[in-house]
Protein backbone atom coordinates (compact mmCIF):
# COMPACT_ATOMS: atom_id res chain seq x y z
CA UNK A 1 130.70 -28.45 72.55
CA UNK A 2 133.51 -26.25 71.30
CA UNK A 3 134.01 -22.67 72.38
CA UNK A 4 132.87 -19.95 70.03
CA UNK A 5 133.62 -16.26 69.50
CA UNK A 6 135.69 -15.41 72.59
CA UNK A 7 138.57 -17.83 71.84
CA UNK A 8 138.28 -17.56 68.06
CA UNK A 9 141.23 -16.09 66.21
CA UNK A 10 142.48 -15.54 62.69
CA UNK A 11 142.33 -18.81 60.73
CA UNK A 12 144.86 -19.50 58.00
CA UNK A 13 145.29 -22.28 55.45
CA UNK A 14 147.42 -25.11 56.80
CA UNK A 15 146.50 -24.62 60.46
CA UNK A 16 145.59 -27.77 62.40
CA UNK A 17 142.79 -28.07 64.98
CA UNK A 18 141.49 -30.99 67.06
CA UNK A 19 137.79 -31.51 66.18
CA UNK A 20 135.20 -34.15 67.13
CA UNK A 21 132.73 -34.36 64.23
CA UNK A 22 130.47 -36.76 66.17
CA UNK A 23 129.47 -33.83 68.44
CA UNK A 24 128.72 -31.44 65.61
CA UNK A 25 125.50 -33.01 64.25
CA UNK A 26 127.16 -33.80 60.94
CA UNK A 27 125.85 -36.54 58.63
CA UNK A 28 127.59 -39.66 59.87
CA UNK A 29 128.77 -42.77 58.06
CA UNK A 30 130.96 -45.75 58.86
CA UNK A 31 133.99 -43.63 57.90
CA UNK A 32 133.14 -40.69 60.17
CA UNK A 33 135.71 -40.38 63.00
CA UNK A 34 134.18 -41.17 66.39
CA UNK A 35 136.69 -39.23 68.48
CA UNK A 36 138.56 -35.93 68.49
CA UNK A 37 141.34 -35.88 65.91
CA UNK A 38 143.44 -33.26 64.08
CA UNK A 39 142.02 -31.54 60.98
CA UNK A 40 143.96 -29.27 58.63
CA UNK A 41 142.33 -26.17 57.10
CA UNK A 42 142.39 -26.37 53.28
CA UNK A 43 140.13 -23.48 52.20
CA UNK A 44 141.98 -20.37 50.92
CA UNK A 45 142.74 -17.49 53.27
CA UNK A 46 140.29 -15.15 51.52
CA UNK A 47 137.52 -17.61 52.24
CA UNK A 48 138.81 -18.17 55.78
CA UNK A 49 138.64 -14.42 56.40
CA UNK A 50 135.17 -13.69 54.99
CA UNK A 51 133.20 -16.94 55.13
CA UNK A 52 131.49 -18.47 58.15
CA UNK A 53 132.38 -21.97 56.90
CA UNK A 54 135.76 -23.51 56.15
CA UNK A 55 136.96 -26.74 54.52
CA UNK A 56 139.06 -29.13 56.56
CA UNK A 57 140.55 -32.61 56.02
CA UNK A 58 141.34 -35.20 58.71
CA UNK A 59 144.85 -36.26 59.68
CA UNK A 60 145.45 -39.91 60.63
CA UNK A 61 148.46 -41.51 62.29
CA UNK A 62 149.08 -44.23 59.72
CA UNK A 63 151.93 -45.75 57.72
CA UNK A 64 151.76 -45.02 54.02
CA UNK A 65 151.88 -48.31 52.12
CA UNK A 66 153.76 -47.81 48.86
CA UNK A 67 152.28 -51.05 47.50
CA UNK A 68 148.76 -49.62 47.90
CA UNK A 69 149.33 -46.10 46.71
CA UNK A 70 146.21 -43.96 47.22
CA UNK A 71 146.64 -40.56 45.65
CA UNK A 72 144.14 -38.96 48.08
CA UNK A 73 146.25 -39.99 51.12
CA UNK A 74 149.13 -37.50 51.37
CA UNK A 75 151.91 -38.75 53.74
CA UNK A 76 154.12 -36.68 56.08
CA UNK A 77 156.00 -36.96 59.39
CA UNK A 78 154.11 -35.79 62.46
CA UNK A 79 155.38 -33.72 65.39
CA UNK A 80 156.39 -36.84 67.30
CA UNK A 81 158.11 -38.37 64.28
CA UNK A 82 155.31 -40.84 63.55
CA UNK A 83 153.98 -41.45 60.05
CA UNK A 84 150.79 -39.54 59.26
CA UNK A 85 148.53 -38.91 56.25
CA UNK A 86 146.10 -36.17 55.20
CA UNK A 87 142.95 -37.75 53.75
CA UNK A 88 141.90 -35.37 50.96
CA UNK A 89 138.96 -37.63 50.04
CA UNK A 90 137.38 -36.83 53.44
CA UNK A 91 137.32 -33.03 53.07
CA UNK A 92 134.33 -31.59 54.95
CA UNK A 93 132.75 -28.18 55.54
CA UNK A 94 132.41 -26.97 59.14
CA UNK A 95 131.55 -23.68 60.90
CA UNK A 96 134.58 -21.50 61.48
CA UNK A 97 133.42 -20.87 65.06
CA UNK A 98 134.64 -24.36 65.99
CA UNK A 99 138.25 -23.37 65.26
CA UNK A 100 139.43 -21.75 68.48
CA UNK A 101 142.63 -21.24 70.43
CA UNK A 102 141.55 -24.03 72.77
CA UNK A 103 141.68 -26.80 70.16
CA UNK A 104 144.47 -25.31 68.01
CA UNK A 105 147.62 -27.48 67.64
CA UNK A 106 150.72 -25.37 67.08
CA UNK A 107 153.05 -28.40 66.96
CA UNK A 108 151.23 -30.19 64.14
CA UNK A 109 150.65 -26.89 62.32
CA UNK A 110 154.42 -26.38 62.23
CA UNK A 111 154.85 -29.71 60.45
CA UNK A 112 152.06 -29.05 57.91
CA UNK A 113 151.62 -25.36 57.11
CA UNK A 114 155.32 -24.60 56.59
CA UNK A 115 156.05 -27.81 54.66
CA UNK A 116 156.01 -26.58 51.03
CA UNK A 117 156.38 -30.05 49.54
CA UNK A 118 153.48 -31.37 51.64
CA UNK A 119 151.13 -28.50 50.71
CA UNK A 120 152.07 -28.91 47.03
CA UNK A 121 151.15 -32.62 47.26
CA UNK A 122 147.87 -31.70 48.98
CA UNK A 123 147.05 -29.23 46.17
CA UNK A 124 147.73 -31.90 43.56
CA UNK A 125 145.47 -34.37 45.37
CA UNK A 126 142.67 -31.76 45.56
CA UNK A 127 142.94 -31.08 41.81
CA UNK A 128 142.62 -34.78 41.11
CA UNK A 129 139.85 -35.31 43.70
CA UNK A 130 137.60 -32.58 42.27
CA UNK A 131 138.83 -32.76 38.63
CA UNK A 132 139.63 -29.07 38.46
CA UNK A 133 142.46 -29.60 35.94
CA UNK A 134 141.64 -27.48 32.91
CA UNK A 135 142.64 -30.29 30.55
CA UNK A 136 140.08 -32.67 31.99
CA UNK A 137 137.11 -30.32 32.50
CA UNK A 138 134.91 -29.96 29.38
CA UNK A 139 133.77 -26.47 28.41
CA UNK A 140 130.18 -26.03 27.23
CA UNK A 141 129.42 -24.59 23.80
CA UNK A 142 127.52 -21.70 25.40
CA UNK A 143 130.61 -20.74 27.38
CA UNK A 144 132.85 -20.83 24.31
CA UNK A 145 130.37 -18.67 22.40
CA UNK A 146 130.29 -16.14 25.25
CA UNK A 147 134.10 -16.00 25.38
CA UNK A 148 134.28 -15.43 21.62
CA UNK A 149 131.74 -12.60 21.76
CA UNK A 150 133.30 -10.87 24.77
CA UNK A 151 136.98 -11.80 24.72
CA UNK A 152 138.08 -8.92 26.97
CA UNK A 153 137.51 -9.53 30.68
CA UNK A 154 135.10 -7.02 32.26
CA UNK A 155 134.27 -5.52 28.86
CA UNK A 156 130.96 -3.66 29.20
CA UNK A 157 127.95 -5.27 27.58
CA UNK A 158 126.86 -3.32 24.48
CA UNK A 159 123.80 -1.17 25.03
CA UNK A 160 120.67 -1.70 22.97
CA UNK A 161 118.92 1.42 21.67
CA UNK A 162 115.25 1.50 22.60
CA UNK A 163 113.08 3.06 19.86
CA UNK A 164 110.44 5.67 20.60
CA UNK A 165 107.01 4.17 21.22
CA UNK A 166 103.76 6.01 20.52
CA UNK A 167 100.50 4.88 22.12
CA UNK A 168 96.92 5.85 21.26
CA UNK A 169 94.92 6.09 24.48
CA UNK A 170 91.25 6.70 25.12
CA UNK A 171 89.91 7.53 28.57
CA UNK A 172 86.27 6.64 29.22
CA UNK A 173 85.63 6.51 25.50
CA UNK A 174 87.21 9.94 24.85
CA UNK A 175 90.27 9.64 22.55
CA UNK A 176 93.54 11.28 23.55
CA UNK A 177 95.83 12.54 20.76
CA UNK A 178 99.36 11.24 20.33
CA UNK A 179 100.64 14.70 21.24
CA UNK A 180 99.29 14.36 24.74
CA UNK A 181 101.06 11.12 25.67
CA UNK A 182 104.51 9.98 24.60
CA UNK A 183 107.03 7.46 25.89
CA UNK A 184 110.71 8.24 25.42
CA UNK A 185 113.83 6.15 25.91
CA UNK A 186 114.02 7.63 29.40
CA UNK A 187 110.62 5.94 30.05
CA UNK A 188 109.06 9.26 31.11
CA UNK A 189 105.34 9.69 30.47
CA UNK A 190 104.28 13.19 29.55
CA UNK A 191 100.62 14.12 29.78
CA UNK A 192 99.28 17.64 29.33
CA UNK A 193 95.59 17.35 28.58
CA UNK A 194 94.46 14.04 30.05
CA UNK A 195 92.89 15.81 32.99
CA UNK A 196 90.77 17.89 30.61
CA UNK A 197 89.48 14.84 28.69
CA UNK A 198 88.79 12.56 31.61
CA UNK A 199 85.36 12.28 33.13
CA UNK A 200 84.92 11.85 36.82
CA UNK A 201 83.11 8.65 37.65
CA UNK A 202 81.50 8.75 41.07
CA UNK A 203 82.64 5.97 43.31
CA UNK A 204 79.84 3.64 44.22
CA UNK A 205 80.10 2.31 47.72
CA UNK A 206 78.43 -0.97 48.35
CA UNK A 207 76.38 -0.87 51.44
CA UNK A 208 76.96 -3.71 53.78
CA UNK A 209 73.96 -6.00 54.07
CA UNK A 210 72.04 -5.50 57.23
CA UNK A 211 72.28 -8.35 59.62
CA UNK A 212 69.01 -9.86 60.62
CA UNK A 213 68.80 -10.60 64.30
CA UNK A 214 66.46 -13.39 65.13
CA UNK A 215 64.11 -12.71 67.97
CA UNK A 216 64.69 -14.86 70.98
CA UNK A 217 61.86 -17.21 71.73
CA UNK A 218 60.99 -16.98 75.40
CA UNK A 219 60.94 -20.27 77.20
CA UNK A 220 57.72 -20.74 79.06
CA UNK A 221 56.72 -23.30 81.60
CA UNK A 222 54.27 -24.83 79.09
CA UNK A 223 57.22 -25.89 76.89
CA UNK A 224 58.51 -28.16 79.62
CA UNK A 225 55.15 -29.51 80.72
CA UNK A 226 54.15 -33.06 79.88
CA UNK A 227 51.09 -33.63 77.71
CA UNK A 228 48.94 -35.69 80.04
CA UNK A 229 47.92 -39.17 78.98
CA UNK A 230 44.19 -39.75 79.06
CA UNK A 231 43.11 -43.37 78.84
CA UNK A 232 39.71 -45.03 78.93
CA UNK A 233 39.07 -47.94 81.30
CA UNK A 234 41.07 -51.08 80.31
CA UNK A 235 42.77 -49.11 77.53
CA UNK A 236 46.54 -49.62 77.13
CA UNK A 237 49.06 -46.92 76.24
CA UNK A 238 50.41 -46.72 72.71
CA UNK A 239 54.11 -47.18 72.04
CA UNK A 240 54.51 -43.41 71.56
CA UNK A 241 52.75 -42.63 74.85
CA UNK A 242 54.85 -45.18 76.71
CA UNK A 243 58.07 -43.77 75.22
CA UNK A 244 57.10 -40.22 76.21
CA UNK A 245 56.28 -41.43 79.72
CA UNK A 246 59.63 -43.25 80.02
CA UNK A 247 61.53 -40.19 78.82
CA UNK A 248 59.70 -37.94 81.27
CA UNK A 249 60.39 -40.31 84.18
CA UNK A 250 64.07 -40.61 83.23
CA UNK A 251 64.42 -36.83 83.19
CA UNK A 252 62.45 -35.91 86.29
CA UNK A 253 62.30 -38.85 88.75
CA UNK A 254 64.26 -38.02 91.91
CA UNK A 255 66.19 -41.31 91.91
CA UNK A 256 67.25 -40.69 88.28
CA UNK A 257 68.64 -37.21 89.02
CA UNK A 258 65.40 -35.22 88.82
CA UNK A 259 63.31 -33.56 91.52
CA UNK A 260 59.92 -35.31 91.25
CA UNK A 261 58.50 -38.03 93.44
CA UNK A 262 56.20 -40.80 92.26
CA UNK A 263 53.14 -38.80 93.35
CA UNK A 264 54.38 -35.69 91.50
CA UNK A 265 55.06 -37.75 88.34
CA UNK A 266 51.57 -39.23 88.48
CA UNK A 267 50.04 -35.75 88.84
CA UNK A 268 52.05 -34.30 85.93
CA UNK A 269 51.49 -37.22 83.52
CA UNK A 270 47.88 -38.09 84.33
CA UNK A 271 48.57 -41.77 85.03
CA UNK A 272 48.21 -43.63 88.31
CA UNK A 273 51.03 -44.07 90.82
CA UNK A 274 51.10 -47.90 90.35
CA UNK A 275 51.63 -47.32 86.62
CA UNK A 276 54.46 -44.91 87.37
CA UNK A 277 56.12 -47.49 89.66
CA UNK A 278 55.66 -50.20 87.03
CA UNK A 279 57.39 -48.05 84.40
CA UNK A 280 60.20 -47.21 86.84
CA UNK A 281 60.76 -50.95 87.33
CA UNK A 282 60.82 -51.47 83.55
CA UNK A 283 63.34 -48.67 83.14
CA UNK A 284 65.57 -50.25 85.79
CA UNK A 285 65.33 -53.67 84.11
CA UNK A 286 66.12 -52.23 80.69
CA UNK A 287 69.08 -50.28 82.10
CA UNK A 288 70.55 -53.50 83.49
CA UNK A 289 70.12 -55.28 80.15
CA UNK A 290 71.55 -52.40 78.09
CA UNK A 291 68.29 -51.95 76.14
CA UNK A 292 66.64 -48.61 75.48
CA UNK A 293 63.64 -47.97 77.73
CA UNK A 294 60.20 -47.74 76.18
CA UNK A 295 61.08 -50.12 73.36
CA UNK A 296 59.34 -53.46 73.21
CA UNK A 297 61.28 -56.64 72.72
CA UNK A 298 60.67 -58.44 69.46
CA UNK A 299 59.72 -62.04 70.26
CA UNK A 300 59.98 -64.66 67.54
CA UNK A 301 58.50 -67.58 69.46
CA UNK A 302 55.79 -69.17 67.24
CA UNK A 303 52.27 -69.67 68.76
CA UNK A 304 52.63 -73.43 68.35
CA UNK A 305 55.27 -73.36 71.12
CA UNK A 306 53.27 -71.23 73.60
CA UNK A 307 51.90 -74.20 75.55
CA UNK A 308 55.39 -75.79 75.74
CA UNK A 309 56.82 -72.48 76.95
CA UNK A 310 54.21 -72.07 79.73
CA UNK A 311 54.65 -75.65 80.94
CA UNK A 312 58.46 -75.37 80.93
CA UNK A 313 58.26 -72.15 82.93
CA UNK A 314 55.91 -73.74 85.44
CA UNK A 315 58.29 -76.69 85.93
CA UNK A 316 61.71 -74.94 85.82
CA UNK A 317 61.23 -71.31 86.81
CA UNK A 318 61.92 -68.02 85.09
CA UNK A 319 65.74 -68.15 84.93
CA UNK A 320 65.98 -71.51 83.15
CA UNK A 321 63.13 -70.49 80.84
CA UNK A 322 65.03 -67.30 79.96
CA UNK A 323 68.21 -69.26 79.17
CA UNK A 324 66.39 -71.83 77.00
CA UNK A 325 64.27 -69.37 75.01
CA UNK A 326 66.76 -66.47 74.76
CA UNK A 327 67.19 -67.07 71.03
CA UNK A 328 63.51 -66.14 70.55
CA UNK A 329 64.05 -62.56 71.80
CA UNK A 330 63.79 -62.95 75.58
CA UNK A 331 66.51 -60.76 77.09
CA UNK A 332 65.52 -60.11 80.71
CA UNK A 333 63.21 -61.85 83.24
CA UNK A 334 60.64 -59.08 82.71
CA UNK A 335 60.24 -60.23 79.09
CA UNK A 336 59.28 -63.74 80.22
CA UNK A 337 56.88 -62.39 82.84
CA UNK A 338 54.98 -60.08 80.48
CA UNK A 339 54.89 -62.48 77.54
CA UNK A 340 53.60 -65.25 79.81
CA UNK A 341 50.30 -63.41 80.37
CA UNK A 342 49.59 -62.98 76.67
CA UNK A 343 50.51 -66.61 75.99
CA UNK A 344 48.10 -67.86 78.63
CA UNK A 345 45.30 -65.74 77.14
CA UNK A 346 46.12 -67.05 73.65
CA UNK A 347 46.07 -70.67 74.88
CA UNK A 348 42.74 -70.09 76.69
CA UNK A 349 41.12 -68.64 73.57
CA UNK A 350 42.52 -71.45 71.44
CA UNK A 351 41.18 -74.13 73.82
CA UNK A 352 37.76 -72.43 73.91
CA UNK A 353 37.53 -72.51 70.11
CA UNK A 354 38.35 -76.22 70.12
CA UNK A 355 35.59 -76.94 72.62
CA UNK A 356 33.05 -75.07 70.49
CA UNK A 357 34.08 -77.01 67.43
CA UNK A 358 33.73 -80.33 69.31
CA UNK A 359 30.26 -79.42 70.58
């Protein structure tokens, strides 16, 4: 990156500096130079003195082809006698801080800045490039009208007289005479008796609404206690009871992260220890299958296939039975085991009815 401030000096039009635009974050195109090359300052000295940005144009070592005359390429002889051109069409705006004594070229500056014919040709190319010739730039109708109205440069704009304005004012319903308030051209407001006619309105302060603080509900031991399950002999648990039992075991059983043993779970829930162990086994089986514990599987096997199912299980075992009848809702071996009992009871009742009918 170029030096700034300490090596910066007075910049004048026609000076030449070596600059690498590719390191300056400028917008690049296929015509942007990719290396350091000389640039000539073309902005006027007033701008160079007061502005933080200056206009520069690149200088190329190139023969000027008379057969392909390009008015924006201004030719001249360089310091080493080689043919060079100033490309006016590539004028760009850069920070003045990049023009320092380090990258200043005194030799090329001597061939450019003090060459009156060259600078005159550059000026002509700039006029043509930006169409600043007065004969070619149209003047708007508004501009012509303004020139005709104010032909003298810096002529003061005529002042407009502001008429006196009288206002009728009432304060809190009490009228105020026009003698009390007046507005002059100096925009001063004069009031003598407004204070006498105004009524003081007491300021009403809105009281902030009181915040209601909810009372904290104390947590008692009863809130965490399990509602014991009371069953009659041979009575089965409902789905809701079984779900509550599963949830309680999952939360409190020592092997599931809790602090209760099987005996403690049985005491807290009111069910027997074998029932607790059975539910723990079901929870483990459901966890392996990805199913939610306490939720029964939905079997779609029709009763007409019960006898076939039992016989196939007896001949092939539980794993093959599970694979064959999986489409009917059997997900884990436990499903086959539990459904088998109900199927056998259904078949027994069905066979008993047949025997009664035959007799």
